[in-house]
Amino acid sequence: VLSAAVLVHLALAGDLPVTRPLGWFVSAH
């Protein structure tokens, strides 16, 4: 659930400095 929420937040928040690292982390996860 937390991973899903992070992905949705990243998608809706736009290009943030943490988007790429968090996106890669969740993907690797």
mmCIF file of all heavy atoms, coordinates in Angstrom:
data_MODEL
# 
_entry.id   MODEL 
# 
loop_
_atom_site.group_PDB 
_atom_site.id 
_atom_site.type_symbol 
_atom_site.label_atom_id 
_atom_site.label_alt_id 
_atom_site.label_comp_id 
_atom_site.label_asym_id 
_atom_site.label_entity_id 
_atom_site.label_seq_id 
_atom_site.pdbx_PDB_ins_code 
_atom_site.Cartn_x 
_atom_site.Cartn_y 
_atom_site.Cartn_z 
_atom_site.occupancy 
_atom_site.B_iso_or_equiv 
_atom_site.pdbx_formal_charge 
_atom_site.auth_seq_id 
_atom_site.auth_comp_id 
_atom_site.auth_asym_id 
_atom_site.auth_atom_id 
_atom_site.pdbx_PDB_model_num 
ATOM 1   N N   . VAL A 1 1  ? 0.834  -1.208 0.000   1.00 0.00 ? 1  VAL A N   1 
ATOM 2   C CA  . VAL A 1 1  ? 0.000  0.000  0.000   1.00 0.00 ? 1  VAL A CA  1 
ATOM 3   C C   . VAL A 1 1  ? 0.868  1.258  0.000   1.00 0.00 ? 1  VAL A C   1 
ATOM 4   O O   . VAL A 1 1  ? 0.596  2.202  -0.755  1.00 0.00 ? 1  VAL A O   1 
ATOM 5   C CB  . VAL A 1 1  ? -0.980 -0.012 1.195   1.00 0.00 ? 1  VAL A CB  1 
ATOM 6   C CG1 . VAL A 1 1  ? -1.683 1.322  1.339   1.00 0.00 ? 1  VAL A CG1 1 
ATOM 7   C CG2 . VAL A 1 1  ? -2.001 -1.134 1.030   1.00 0.00 ? 1  VAL A CG2 1 
ATOM 8   N N   . LEU A 1 2  ? 1.908  1.283  0.823   1.00 0.00 ? 2  LEU A N   1 
ATOM 9   C CA  . LEU A 1 2  ? 2.778  2.460  0.858   1.00 0.00 ? 2  LEU A CA  1 
ATOM 10  C C   . LEU A 1 2  ? 3.496  2.664  -0.479  1.00 0.00 ? 2  LEU A C   1 
ATOM 11  O O   . LEU A 1 2  ? 3.634  3.802  -0.948  1.00 0.00 ? 2  LEU A O   1 
ATOM 12  C CB  . LEU A 1 2  ? 3.801  2.348  1.990   1.00 0.00 ? 2  LEU A CB  1 
ATOM 13  C CG  . LEU A 1 2  ? 3.246  2.527  3.401   1.00 0.00 ? 2  LEU A CG  1 
ATOM 14  C CD1 . LEU A 1 2  ? 4.350  2.297  4.434   1.00 0.00 ? 2  LEU A CD1 1 
ATOM 15  C CD2 . LEU A 1 2  ? 2.619  3.885  3.573   1.00 0.00 ? 2  LEU A CD2 1 
ATOM 16  N N   . SER A 1 3  ? 3.946  1.588  -1.091  1.00 0.00 ? 3  SER A N   1 
ATOM 17  C CA  . SER A 1 3  ? 4.607  1.695  -2.397  1.00 0.00 ? 3  SER A CA  1 
ATOM 18  C C   . SER A 1 3  ? 3.650  2.237  -3.451  1.00 0.00 ? 3  SER A C   1 
ATOM 19  O O   . SER A 1 3  ? 4.021  3.088  -4.266  1.00 0.00 ? 3  SER A O   1 
ATOM 20  C CB  . SER A 1 3  ? 5.145  0.331  -2.843  1.00 0.00 ? 3  SER A CB  1 
ATOM 21  O OG  . SER A 1 3  ? 6.155  -0.104 -1.979  1.00 0.00 ? 3  SER A OG  1 
ATOM 22  N N   . ALA A 1 4  ? 2.419  1.752  -3.427  1.00 0.00 ? 4  ALA A N   1 
ATOM 23  C CA  . ALA A 1 4  ? 1.411  2.255  -4.374  1.00 0.00 ? 4  ALA A CA  1 
ATOM 24  C C   . ALA A 1 4  ? 1.160  3.738  -4.150  1.00 0.00 ? 4  ALA A C   1 
ATOM 25  O O   . ALA A 1 4  ? 1.093  4.526  -5.105  1.00 0.00 ? 4  ALA A O   1 
ATOM 26  C CB  . ALA A 1 4  ? 0.114  1.457  -4.229  1.00 0.00 ? 4  ALA A CB  1 
ATOM 27  N N   . ALA A 1 5  ? 1.037  4.135  -2.893  1.00 0.00 ? 5  ALA A N   1 
ATOM 28  C CA  . ALA A 1 5  ? 0.803  5.551  -2.575  1.00 0.00 ? 5  ALA A CA  1 
ATOM 29  C C   . ALA A 1 5  ? 1.968  6.422  -3.028  1.00 0.00 ? 5  ALA A C   1 
ATOM 30  O O   . ALA A 1 5  ? 1.761  7.520  -3.564  1.00 0.00 ? 5  ALA A O   1 
ATOM 31  C CB  . ALA A 1 5  ? 0.554  5.711  -1.078  1.00 0.00 ? 5  ALA A CB  1 
ATOM 32  N N   . VAL A 1 6  ? 3.189  5.944  -2.839  1.00 0.00 ? 6  VAL A N   1 
ATOM 33  C CA  . VAL A 1 6  ? 4.371  6.699  -3.280  1.00 0.00 ? 6  VAL A CA  1 
ATOM 34  C C   . VAL A 1 6  ? 4.346  6.868  -4.793  1.00 0.00 ? 6  VAL A C   1 
ATOM 35  O O   . VAL A 1 6  ? 4.599  7.963  -5.307  1.00 0.00 ? 6  VAL A O   1 
ATOM 36  C CB  . VAL A 1 6  ? 5.673  6.008  -2.814  1.00 0.00 ? 6  VAL A CB  1 
ATOM 37  C CG1 . VAL A 1 6  ? 6.883  6.539  -3.563  1.00 0.00 ? 6  VAL A CG1 1 
ATOM 38  C CG2 . VAL A 1 6  ? 5.858  6.184  -1.329  1.00 0.00 ? 6  VAL A CG2 1 
ATOM 39  N N   . LEU A 1 7  ? 4.039  5.809  -5.519  1.00 0.00 ? 7  LEU A N   1 
ATOM 40  C CA  . LEU A 1 7  ? 4.007  5.897  -6.982  1.00 0.00 ? 7  LEU A CA  1 
ATOM 41  C C   . LEU A 1 7  ? 2.944  6.886  -7.453  1.00 0.00 ? 7  LEU A C   1 
ATOM 42  O O   . LEU A 1 7  ? 3.201  7.702  -8.358  1.00 0.00 ? 7  LEU A O   1 
ATOM 43  C CB  . LEU A 1 7  ? 3.780  4.516  -7.593  1.00 0.00 ? 7  LEU A CB  1 
ATOM 44  C CG  . LEU A 1 7  ? 4.953  3.547  -7.491  1.00 0.00 ? 7  LEU A CG  1 
ATOM 45  C CD1 . LEU A 1 7  ? 4.531  2.138  -7.869  1.00 0.00 ? 7  LEU A CD1 1 
ATOM 46  C CD2 . LEU A 1 7  ? 6.122  4.018  -8.353  1.00 0.00 ? 7  LEU A CD2 1 
ATOM 47  N N   . VAL A 1 8  ? 1.765  6.837  -6.871  1.00 0.00 ? 8  VAL A N   1 
ATOM 48  C CA  . VAL A 1 8  ? 0.704  7.772  -7.256  1.00 0.00 ? 8  VAL A CA  1 
ATOM 49  C C   . VAL A 1 8  ? 1.116  9.203  -6.911  1.00 0.00 ? 8  VAL A C   1 
ATOM 50  O O   . VAL A 1 8  ? 0.935  10.133 -7.712  1.00 0.00 ? 8  VAL A O   1 
ATOM 51  C CB  . VAL A 1 8  ? -0.641 7.391  -6.601  1.00 0.00 ? 8  VAL A CB  1 
ATOM 52  C CG1 . VAL A 1 8  ? -1.673 8.491  -6.775  1.00 0.00 ? 8  VAL A CG1 1 
ATOM 53  C CG2 . VAL A 1 8  ? -1.166 6.080  -7.180  1.00 0.00 ? 8  VAL A CG2 1 
ATOM 54  N N   . HIS A 1 9  ? 1.674  9.393  -5.729  1.00 0.00 ? 9  HIS A N   1 
ATOM 55  C CA  . HIS A 1 9  ? 2.123  10.730 -5.333  1.00 0.00 ? 9  HIS A CA  1 
ATOM 56  C C   . HIS A 1 9  ? 3.184  11.262 -6.301  1.00 0.00 ? 9  HIS A C   1 
ATOM 57  O O   . HIS A 1 9  ? 3.117  12.424 -6.730  1.00 0.00 ? 9  HIS A O   1 
ATOM 58  C CB  . HIS A 1 9  ? 2.675  10.720 -3.907  1.00 0.00 ? 9  HIS A CB  1 
ATOM 59  C CG  . HIS A 1 9  ? 3.268  12.020 -3.501  1.00 0.00 ? 9  HIS A CG  1 
ATOM 60  N ND1 . HIS A 1 9  ? 2.505  13.130 -3.214  1.00 0.00 ? 9  HIS A ND1 1 
ATOM 61  C CD2 . HIS A 1 9  ? 4.563  12.418 -3.382  1.00 0.00 ? 9  HIS A CD2 1 
ATOM 62  C CE1 . HIS A 1 9  ? 3.301  14.141 -2.924  1.00 0.00 ? 9  HIS A CE1 1 
ATOM 63  N NE2 . HIS A 1 9  ? 4.553  13.732 -3.012  1.00 0.00 ? 9  HIS A NE2 1 
ATOM 64  N N   . LEU A 1 10 ? 4.150  10.432 -6.636  1.00 0.00 ? 10 LEU A N   1 
ATOM 65  C CA  . LEU A 1 10 ? 5.192  10.857 -7.576  1.00 0.00 ? 10 LEU A CA  1 
ATOM 66  C C   . LEU A 1 10 ? 4.596  11.214 -8.935  1.00 0.00 ? 10 LEU A C   1 
ATOM 67  O O   . LEU A 1 10 ? 5.022  12.180 -9.576  1.00 0.00 ? 10 LEU A O   1 
ATOM 68  C CB  . LEU A 1 10 ? 6.251  9.774  -7.743  1.00 0.00 ? 10 LEU A CB  1 
ATOM 69  C CG  . LEU A 1 10 ? 7.157  9.506  -6.544  1.00 0.00 ? 10 LEU A CG  1 
ATOM 70  C CD1 . LEU A 1 10 ? 8.076  8.320  -6.828  1.00 0.00 ? 10 LEU A CD1 1 
ATOM 71  C CD2 . LEU A 1 10 ? 7.969  10.744 -6.181  1.00 0.00 ? 10 LEU A CD2 1 
ATOM 72  N N   . ALA A 1 11 ? 3.610  10.447 -9.369  1.00 0.00 ? 11 ALA A N   1 
ATOM 73  C CA  . ALA A 1 11 ? 2.983  10.701 -10.663 1.00 0.00 ? 11 ALA A CA  1 
ATOM 74  C C   . ALA A 1 11 ? 2.246  12.035 -10.668 1.00 0.00 ? 11 ALA A C   1 
ATOM 75  O O   . ALA A 1 11 ? 2.304  12.777 -11.652 1.00 0.00 ? 11 ALA A O   1 
ATOM 76  C CB  . ALA A 1 11 ? 2.011  9.571  -10.995 1.00 0.00 ? 11 ALA A CB  1 
ATOM 77  N N   . LEU A 1 12 ? 1.564  12.348 -9.576  1.00 0.00 ? 12 LEU A N   1 
ATOM 78  C CA  . LEU A 1 12 ? 0.744  13.555 -9.524  1.00 0.00 ? 12 LEU A CA  1 
ATOM 79  C C   . LEU A 1 12 ? 1.526  14.800 -9.112  1.00 0.00 ? 12 LEU A C   1 
ATOM 80  O O   . LEU A 1 12 ? 1.109  15.922 -9.417  1.00 0.00 ? 12 LEU A O   1 
ATOM 81  C CB  . LEU A 1 12 ? -0.427 13.341 -8.557  1.00 0.00 ? 12 LEU A CB  1 
ATOM 82  C CG  . LEU A 1 12 ? -1.397 12.207 -8.942  1.00 0.00 ? 12 LEU A CG  1 
ATOM 83  C CD1 . LEU A 1 12 ? -2.463 12.043 -7.881  1.00 0.00 ? 12 LEU A CD1 1 
ATOM 84  C CD2 . LEU A 1 12 ? -2.008 12.458 -10.317 1.00 0.00 ? 12 LEU A CD2 1 
ATOM 85  N N   . ALA A 1 13 ? 2.647  14.624 -8.433  1.00 0.00 ? 13 ALA A N   1 
ATOM 86  C CA  . ALA A 1 13 ? 3.401  15.765 -7.914  1.00 0.00 ? 13 ALA A CA  1 
ATOM 87  C C   . ALA A 1 13 ? 4.252  16.451 -8.971  1.00 0.00 ? 13 ALA A C   1 
ATOM 88  O O   . ALA A 1 13 ? 4.751  17.543 -8.739  1.00 0.00 ? 13 ALA A O   1 
ATOM 89  C CB  . ALA A 1 13 ? 4.286  15.318 -6.752  1.00 0.00 ? 13 ALA A CB  1 
ATOM 90  N N   . GLY A 1 14 ? 4.442  15.828 -10.087 1.00 0.00 ? 14 GLY A N   1 
ATOM 91  C CA  . GLY A 1 14 ? 5.302  16.428 -11.107 1.00 0.00 ? 14 GLY A CA  1 
ATOM 92  C C   . GLY A 1 14 ? 6.747  16.018 -10.898 1.00 0.00 ? 14 GLY A C   1 
ATOM 93  O O   . GLY A 1 14 ? 7.050  15.091 -10.153 1.00 0.00 ? 14 GLY A O   1 
ATOM 94  N N   . ASP A 1 15 ? 7.627  16.739 -11.547 1.00 0.00 ? 15 ASP A N   1 
ATOM 95  C CA  . ASP A 1 15 ? 9.044  16.384 -11.515 1.00 0.00 ? 15 ASP A CA  1 
ATOM 96  C C   . ASP A 1 15 ? 9.695  16.940 -10.248 1.00 0.00 ? 15 ASP A C   1 
ATOM 97  O O   . ASP A 1 15 ? 10.053 18.108 -10.178 1.00 0.00 ? 15 ASP A O   1 
ATOM 98  C CB  . ASP A 1 15 ? 9.738  16.926 -12.767 1.00 0.00 ? 15 ASP A CB  1 
ATOM 99  C CG  . ASP A 1 15 ? 11.127 16.358 -12.943 1.00 0.00 ? 15 ASP A CG  1 
ATOM 100 O OD1 . ASP A 1 15 ? 11.379 15.248 -12.419 1.00 0.00 ? 15 ASP A OD1 1 
ATOM 101 O OD2 . ASP A 1 15 ? 11.945 17.012 -13.600 1.00 0.00 ? 15 ASP A OD2 1 
ATOM 102 N N   . LEU A 1 16 ? 9.837  16.098 -9.252  1.00 0.00 ? 16 LEU A N   1 
ATOM 103 C CA  . LEU A 1 16 ? 10.484 16.461 -7.996  1.00 0.00 ? 16 LEU A CA  1 
ATOM 104 C C   . LEU A 1 16 ? 11.912 15.921 -7.989  1.00 0.00 ? 16 LEU A C   1 
ATOM 105 O O   . LEU A 1 16 ? 12.215 14.963 -8.700  1.00 0.00 ? 16 LEU A O   1 
ATOM 106 C CB  . LEU A 1 16 ? 9.722  15.861 -6.810  1.00 0.00 ? 16 LEU A CB  1 
ATOM 107 C CG  . LEU A 1 16 ? 8.253  16.258 -6.647  1.00 0.00 ? 16 LEU A CG  1 
ATOM 108 C CD1 . LEU A 1 16 ? 7.613  15.437 -5.538  1.00 0.00 ? 16 LEU A CD1 1 
ATOM 109 C CD2 . LEU A 1 16 ? 8.148  17.735 -6.356  1.00 0.00 ? 16 LEU A CD2 1 
ATOM 110 N N   . PRO A 1 17 ? 12.782 16.470 -7.155  1.00 0.00 ? 17 PRO A N   1 
ATOM 111 C CA  . PRO A 1 17 ? 14.153 15.938 -7.078  1.00 0.00 ? 17 PRO A CA  1 
ATOM 112 C C   . PRO A 1 17 ? 14.193 14.465 -6.636  1.00 0.00 ? 17 PRO A C   1 
ATOM 113 O O   . PRO A 1 17 ? 15.143 13.754 -6.960  1.00 0.00 ? 17 PRO A O   1 
ATOM 114 C CB  . PRO A 1 17 ? 14.840 16.827 -6.038  1.00 0.00 ? 17 PRO A CB  1 
ATOM 115 C CG  . PRO A 1 17 ? 14.014 18.056 -5.951  1.00 0.00 ? 17 PRO A CG  1 
ATOM 116 C CD  . PRO A 1 17 ? 12.618 17.675 -6.347  1.00 0.00 ? 17 PRO A CD  1 
ATOM 117 N N   . VAL A 1 18 ? 13.171 14.021 -5.924  1.00 0.00 ? 18 VAL A N   1 
ATOM 118 C CA  . VAL A 1 18 ? 13.167 12.644 -5.422  1.00 0.00 ? 18 VAL A CA  1 
ATOM 119 C C   . VAL A 1 18 ? 12.461 11.670 -6.368  1.00 0.00 ? 18 VAL A C   1 
ATOM 120 O O   . VAL A 1 18 ? 12.455 10.467 -6.106  1.00 0.00 ? 18 VAL A O   1 
ATOM 121 C CB  . VAL A 1 18 ? 12.502 12.555 -4.028  1.00 0.00 ? 18 VAL A CB  1 
ATOM 122 C CG1 . VAL A 1 18 ? 13.285 13.336 -3.010  1.00 0.00 ? 18 VAL A CG1 1 
ATOM 123 C CG2 . VAL A 1 18 ? 11.056 12.995 -4.089  1.00 0.00 ? 18 VAL A CG2 1 
ATOM 124 N N   . THR A 1 19 ? 11.875 12.170 -7.445  1.00 0.00 ? 19 THR A N   1 
ATOM 125 C CA  . THR A 1 19 ? 11.084 11.296 -8.317  1.00 0.00 ? 19 THR A CA  1 
ATOM 126 C C   . THR A 1 19 ? 11.908 10.147 -8.872  1.00 0.00 ? 19 THR A C   1 
ATOM 127 O O   . THR A 1 19 ? 11.501 8.984  -8.773  1.00 0.00 ? 19 THR A O   1 
ATOM 128 C CB  . THR A 1 19 ? 10.452 12.103 -9.472  1.00 0.00 ? 19 THR A CB  1 
ATOM 129 O OG1 . THR A 1 19 ? 9.579  13.088 -8.913  1.00 0.00 ? 19 THR A OG1 1 
ATOM 130 C CG2 . THR A 1 19 ? 9.656  11.199 -10.399 1.00 0.00 ? 19 THR A CG2 1 
ATOM 131 N N   . ARG A 1 20 ? 13.053 10.447 -9.454  1.00 0.00 ? 20 ARG A N   1 
ATOM 132 C CA  . ARG A 1 20 ? 13.867 9.379  -10.057 1.00 0.00 ? 20 ARG A CA  1 
ATOM 133 C C   . ARG A 1 20 ? 14.383 8.388  -9.017  1.00 0.00 ? 20 ARG A C   1 
ATOM 134 O O   . ARG A 1 20 ? 14.189 7.178  -9.176  1.00 0.00 ? 20 ARG A O   1 
ATOM 135 C CB  . ARG A 1 20 ? 15.002 9.967  -10.887 1.00 0.00 ? 20 ARG A CB  1 
ATOM 136 C CG  . ARG A 1 20 ? 14.490 10.637 -12.161 1.00 0.00 ? 20 ARG A CG  1 
ATOM 137 C CD  . ARG A 1 20 ? 15.619 11.228 -12.983 1.00 0.00 ? 20 ARG A CD  1 
ATOM 138 N NE  . ARG A 1 20 ? 16.567 10.227 -13.450 1.00 0.00 ? 20 ARG A NE  1 
ATOM 139 C CZ  . ARG A 1 20 ? 16.435 9.526  -14.582 1.00 0.00 ? 20 ARG A CZ  1 
ATOM 140 N NH1 . ARG A 1 20 ? 15.402 9.733  -15.358 1.00 0.00 ? 20 ARG A NH1 1 
ATOM 141 N NH2 . ARG A 1 20 ? 17.356 8.654  -14.932 1.00 0.00 ? 20 ARG A NH2 1 
ATOM 142 N N   . PRO A 1 21 ? 15.015 8.835  -7.928  1.00 0.00 ? 21 PRO A N   1 
ATOM 143 C CA  . PRO A 1 21 ? 15.509 7.846  -6.961  1.00 0.00 ? 21 PRO A CA  1 
ATOM 144 C C   . PRO A 1 21 ? 14.388 7.001  -6.338  1.00 0.00 ? 21 PRO A C   1 
ATOM 145 O O   . PRO A 1 21 ? 14.530 5.791  -6.203  1.00 0.00 ? 21 PRO A O   1 
ATOM 146 C CB  . PRO A 1 21 ? 16.215 8.676  -5.889  1.00 0.00 ? 21 PRO A CB  1 
ATOM 147 C CG  . PRO A 1 21 ? 16.413 10.029 -6.462  1.00 0.00 ? 21 PRO A CG  1 
ATOM 148 C CD  . PRO A 1 21 ? 15.438 10.195 -7.575  1.00 0.00 ? 21 PRO A CD  1 
ATOM 149 N N   . LEU A 1 22 ? 13.284 7.641  -5.962  1.00 0.00 ? 22 LEU A N   1 
ATOM 150 C CA  . LEU A 1 22 ? 12.185 6.875  -5.366  1.00 0.00 ? 22 LEU A CA  1 
ATOM 151 C C   . LEU A 1 22 ? 11.535 5.953  -6.389  1.00 0.00 ? 22 LEU A C   1 
ATOM 152 O O   . LEU A 1 22 ? 11.165 4.816  -6.066  1.00 0.00 ? 22 LEU A O   1 
ATOM 153 C CB  . LEU A 1 22 ? 11.135 7.809  -4.771  1.00 0.00 ? 22 LEU A CB  1 
ATOM 154 C CG  . LEU A 1 22 ? 11.350 8.235  -3.345  1.00 0.00 ? 22 LEU A CG  1 
ATOM 155 C CD1 . LEU A 1 22 ? 10.291 9.224  -2.897  1.00 0.00 ? 22 LEU A CD1 1 
ATOM 156 C CD2 . LEU A 1 22 ? 11.381 7.041  -2.421  1.00 0.00 ? 22 LEU A CD2 1 
ATOM 157 N N   . GLY A 1 23 ? 11.379 6.446  -7.609  1.00 0.00 ? 23 GLY A N   1 
ATOM 158 C CA  . GLY A 1 23 ? 10.809 5.608  -8.665  1.00 0.00 ? 23 GLY A CA  1 
ATOM 159 C C   . GLY A 1 23 ? 11.658 4.368  -8.927  1.00 0.00 ? 23 GLY A C   1 
ATOM 160 O O   . GLY A 1 23 ? 11.144 3.260  -9.044  1.00 0.00 ? 23 GLY A O   1 
ATOM 161 N N   . TRP A 1 24 ? 12.981 4.571  -8.998  1.00 0.00 ? 24 TRP A N   1 
ATOM 162 C CA  . TRP A 1 24 ? 13.886 3.426  -9.196  1.00 0.00 ? 24 TRP A CA  1 
ATOM 163 C C   . TRP A 1 24 ? 13.853 2.485  -7.998  1.00 0.00 ? 24 TRP A C   1 
ATOM 164 O O   . TRP A 1 24 ? 13.906 1.261  -8.149  1.00 0.00 ? 24 TRP A O   1 
ATOM 165 C CB  . TRP A 1 24 ? 15.314 3.882  -9.473  1.00 0.00 ? 24 TRP A CB  1 
ATOM 166 C CG  . TRP A 1 24 ? 15.512 4.365  -10.875 1.00 0.00 ? 24 TRP A CG  1 
ATOM 167 C CD1 . TRP A 1 24 ? 15.852 5.620  -11.260 1.00 0.00 ? 24 TRP A CD1 1 
ATOM 168 C CD2 . TRP A 1 24 ? 15.362 3.610  -12.082 1.00 0.00 ? 24 TRP A CD2 1 
ATOM 169 N NE1 . TRP A 1 24 ? 15.925 5.689  -12.629 1.00 0.00 ? 24 TRP A NE1 1 
ATOM 170 C CE2 . TRP A 1 24 ? 15.642 4.480  -13.164 1.00 0.00 ? 24 TRP A CE2 1 
ATOM 171 C CE3 . TRP A 1 24 ? 15.017 2.287  -12.362 1.00 0.00 ? 24 TRP A CE3 1 
ATOM 172 C CZ2 . TRP A 1 24 ? 15.579 4.066  -14.494 1.00 0.00 ? 24 TRP A CZ2 1 
ATOM 173 C CZ3 . TRP A 1 24 ? 14.967 1.875  -13.679 1.00 0.00 ? 24 TRP A CZ3 1 
ATOM 174 C CH2 . TRP A 1 24 ? 15.247 2.755  -14.730 1.00 0.00 ? 24 TRP A CH2 1 
ATOM 175 N N   . PHE A 1 25 ? 13.769 3.051  -6.801  1.00 0.00 ? 25 PHE A N   1 
ATOM 176 C CA  . PHE A 1 25 ? 13.717 2.213  -5.598  1.00 0.00 ? 25 PHE A CA  1 
ATOM 177 C C   . PHE A 1 25 ? 12.472 1.332  -5.598  1.00 0.00 ? 25 PHE A C   1 
ATOM 178 O O   . PHE A 1 25 ? 12.559 0.125  -5.362  1.00 0.00 ? 25 PHE A O   1 
ATOM 179 C CB  . PHE A 1 25 ? 13.759 3.074  -4.334  1.00 0.00 ? 25 PHE A CB  1 
ATOM 180 C CG  . PHE A 1 25 ? 13.589 2.260  -3.074  1.00 0.00 ? 25 PHE A CG  1 
ATOM 181 C CD1 . PHE A 1 25 ? 14.648 1.540  -2.567  1.00 0.00 ? 25 PHE A CD1 1 
ATOM 182 C CD2 . PHE A 1 25 ? 12.373 2.206  -2.429  1.00 0.00 ? 25 PHE A CD2 1 
ATOM 183 C CE1 . PHE A 1 25 ? 14.498 0.766  -1.426  1.00 0.00 ? 25 PHE A CE1 1 
ATOM 184 C CE2 . PHE A 1 25 ? 12.204 1.438  -1.286  1.00 0.00 ? 25 PHE A CE2 1 
ATOM 185 C CZ  . PHE A 1 25 ? 13.270 0.728  -0.782  1.00 0.00 ? 25 PHE A CZ  1 
ATOM 186 N N   . VAL A 1 26 ? 11.318 1.930  -5.849  1.00 0.00 ? 26 VAL A N   1 
ATOM 187 C CA  . VAL A 1 26 ? 10.077 1.139  -5.853  1.00 0.00 ? 26 VAL A CA  1 
ATOM 188 C C   . VAL A 1 26 ? 10.110 0.120  -6.984  1.00 0.00 ? 26 VAL A C   1 
ATOM 189 O O   . VAL A 1 26 ? 9.684  -1.025 -6.816  1.00 0.00 ? 26 VAL A O   1 
ATOM 190 C CB  . VAL A 1 26 ? 8.835  2.050  -5.930  1.00 0.00 ? 26 VAL A CB  1 
ATOM 191 C CG1 . VAL A 1 26 ? 7.558  1.233  -6.073  1.00 0.00 ? 26 VAL A CG1 1 
ATOM 192 C CG2 . VAL A 1 26 ? 8.748  2.948  -4.698  1.00 0.00 ? 26 VAL A CG2 1 
ATOM 193 N N   . SER A 1 27 ? 10.639 0.516  -8.129  1.00 0.00 ? 27 SER A N   1 
ATOM 194 C CA  . SER A 1 27 ? 10.761 -0.422 -9.242  1.00 0.00 ? 27 SER A CA  1 
ATOM 195 C C   . SER A 1 27 ? 11.651 -1.611 -8.869  1.00 0.00 ? 27 SER A C   1 
ATOM 196 O O   . SER A 1 27 ? 11.295 -2.769 -9.097  1.00 0.00 ? 27 SER A O   1 
ATOM 197 C CB  . SER A 1 27 ? 11.329 0.299  -10.458 1.00 0.00 ? 27 SER A CB  1 
ATOM 198 O OG  . SER A 1 27 ? 11.487 -0.595 -11.520 1.00 0.00 ? 27 SER A OG  1 
ATOM 199 N N   . ALA A 1 28 ? 12.804 -1.323 -8.286  1.00 0.00 ? 28 ALA A N   1 
ATOM 200 C CA  . ALA A 1 28 ? 13.716 -2.394 -7.866  1.00 0.00 ? 28 ALA A CA  1 
ATOM 201 C C   . ALA A 1 28 ? 13.079 -3.272 -6.803  1.00 0.00 ? 28 ALA A C   1 
ATOM 202 O O   . ALA A 1 28 ? 13.270 -4.499 -6.789  1.00 0.00 ? 28 ALA A O   1 
ATOM 203 C CB  . ALA A 1 28 ? 15.015 -1.792 -7.331  1.00 0.00 ? 28 ALA A CB  1 
ATOM 204 N N   . HIS A 1 29 ? 12.324 -2.662 -5.963  1.00 0.00 ? 29 HIS A N   1 
ATOM 205 C CA  . HIS A 1 29 ? 11.609 -3.350 -4.894  1.00 0.00 ? 29 HIS A CA  1 
ATOM 206 C C   . HIS A 1 29 ? 10.643 -4.402 -5.470  1.00 0.00 ? 29 HIS A C   1 
ATOM 207 O O   . HIS A 1 29 ? 10.653 -5.564 -5.064  1.00 0.00 ? 29 HIS A O   1 
ATOM 208 C CB  . HIS A 1 29 ? 10.852 -2.246 -4.148  1.00 0.00 ? 29 HIS A CB  1 
ATOM 209 C CG  . HIS A 1 29 ? 10.249 -2.583 -2.877  1.00 0.00 ? 29 HIS A CG  1 
ATOM 210 N ND1 . HIS A 1 29 ? 10.961 -2.667 -1.721  1.00 0.00 ? 29 HIS A ND1 1 
ATOM 211 C CD2 . HIS A 1 29 ? 8.965  -2.837 -2.563  1.00 0.00 ? 29 HIS A CD2 1 
ATOM 212 C CE1 . HIS A 1 29 ? 10.142 -2.947 -0.744  1.00 0.00 ? 29 HIS A CE1 1 
ATOM 213 N NE2 . HIS A 1 29 ? 8.930  -3.063 -1.224  1.00 0.00 ? 29 HIS A NE2 1 
# 
